[in-house]
Amino acid sequence: MHRLYILFGMFIGSYLGWYLGGHWGWWGSFILSGLGSIGGVFAGWKIGQRIDRD
């Protein structure tokens, strides 16, 4: 279940990064999508830890 939270967080983070980076063109979308993926992995991991602990 832990991996599902990470995957979901990565998907949401990547999508938000792509959407927000669209104002700066293709490269902005690409870079912010990558950063959003990293942030989503971290957020999904932390959420998975918190849910599995309870």
C-alpha atoms as a PDB file:
ATOM      1  CA  MET A   1       0.000   0.000   0.000  1.00  0.00           C
ATOM      2  CA  HIS A   2       2.963   2.251   0.694  1.00  0.00           C
ATOM      3  CA  ARG A   3       3.982   2.205  -2.976  1.00  0.00           C
ATOM      4  CA  LEU A   4       0.499   3.206  -4.057  1.00  0.00           C
ATOM      5  CA  TYR A   5       0.703   6.393  -1.975  1.00  0.00           C
ATOM      6  CA  ILE A   6       4.082   7.187  -3.513  1.00  0.00           C
ATOM      7  CA  LEU A   7       2.785   6.571  -7.040  1.00  0.00           C
ATOM      8  CA  PHE A   8      -0.302   8.693  -6.448  1.00  0.00           C
ATOM      9  CA  GLY A   9       1.783  11.510  -4.934  1.00  0.00           C
ATOM     10  CA  MET A  10       4.194  11.397  -7.863  1.00  0.00           C
ATOM     11  CA  PHE A  11       1.322  11.573 -10.358  1.00  0.00           C
ATOM     12  CA  ILE A  12      -0.326  14.549  -8.645  1.00  0.00           C
ATOM     13  CA  GLY A  13       2.988  16.382  -8.123  1.00  0.00           C
ATOM     14  CA  SER A  14       4.019  15.879 -11.722  1.00  0.00           C
ATOM     15  CA  TYR A  15       0.689  17.084 -13.060  1.00  0.00           C
ATOM     16  CA  LEU A  16       0.704  20.200 -10.895  1.00  0.00           C
ATOM     17  CA  GLY A  17       4.283  20.976 -11.895  1.00  0.00           C
ATOM     18  CA  TRP A  18       3.446  20.604 -15.580  1.00  0.00           C
ATOM     19  CA  TYR A  19       0.387  22.824 -15.219  1.00  0.00           C
ATOM     20  CA  LEU A  20       2.172  25.551 -13.249  1.00  0.00           C
ATOM     21  CA  GLY A  21       5.249  25.465 -15.475  1.00  0.00           C
ATOM     22  CA  GLY A  22       3.161  26.024 -18.589  1.00  0.00           C
ATOM     23  CA  HIS A  23       3.475  29.754 -18.111  1.00  0.00           C
ATOM     24  CA  TRP A  24       7.204  29.514 -18.912  1.00  0.00           C
ATOM     25  CA  GLY A  25       6.915  27.291 -21.963  1.00  0.00           C
ATOM     26  CA  TRP A  26       7.956  23.725 -22.559  1.00  0.00           C
ATOM     27  CA  TRP A  27      11.156  23.843 -20.517  1.00  0.00           C
ATOM     28  CA  GLY A  28       9.415  25.362 -17.523  1.00  0.00           C
ATOM     29  CA  SER A  29       6.808  22.625 -17.625  1.00  0.00           C
ATOM     30  CA  PHE A  30       9.464  19.948 -17.940  1.00  0.00           C
ATOM     31  CA  ILE A  31      11.561  21.188 -15.027  1.00  0.00           C
ATOM     32  CA  LEU A  32       8.650  21.884 -12.689  1.00  0.00           C
ATOM     33  CA  SER A  33       7.116  18.524 -13.550  1.00  0.00           C
ATOM     34  CA  GLY A  34      10.324  16.809 -12.444  1.00  0.00           C
ATOM     35  CA  LEU A  35      10.465  18.812  -9.243  1.00  0.00           C
ATOM     36  CA  GLY A  36       6.781  18.105  -8.633  1.00  0.00           C
ATOM     37  CA  SER A  37       7.432  14.389  -9.069  1.00  0.00           C
ATOM     38  CA  ILE A  38      10.188  14.470  -6.466  1.00  0.00           C
ATOM     39  CA  GLY A  39       7.980  16.408  -4.074  1.00  0.00           C
ATOM     40  CA  GLY A  40       5.100  14.023  -4.734  1.00  0.00           C
ATOM     41  CA  VAL A  41       7.257  10.986  -3.968  1.00  0.00           C
ATOM     42  CA  PHE A  42       8.312  12.538  -0.671  1.00  0.00           C
ATOM     43  CA  ALA A  43       4.745  13.560   0.224  1.00  0.00           C
ATOM     44  CA  GLY A  44       3.369  10.132  -0.705  1.00  0.00           C
ATOM     45  CA  TRP A  45       6.055   8.429   1.363  1.00  0.00           C
ATOM     46  CA  LYS A  46       5.278  10.588   4.413  1.00  0.00           C
ATOM     47  CA  ILE A  47       1.517  10.069   4.035  1.00  0.00           C
ATOM     48  CA  GLY A  48       2.058   6.316   3.663  1.00  0.00           C
ATOM     49  CA  GLN A  49       4.146   6.246   6.832  1.00  0.00           C
ATOM     50  CA  ARG A  50       1.528   8.176   8.757  1.00  0.00           C
ATOM     51  CA  ILE A  51      -1.380   6.004   7.587  1.00  0.00           C
ATOM     52  CA  ASP A  52       0.455   2.711   8.078  1.00  0.00           C
ATOM     53  CA  ARG A  53       1.507   3.731  11.578  1.00  0.00           C
ATOM     54  CA  ASP A  54      -2.089   4.155  12.749  1.00  0.00           C
END
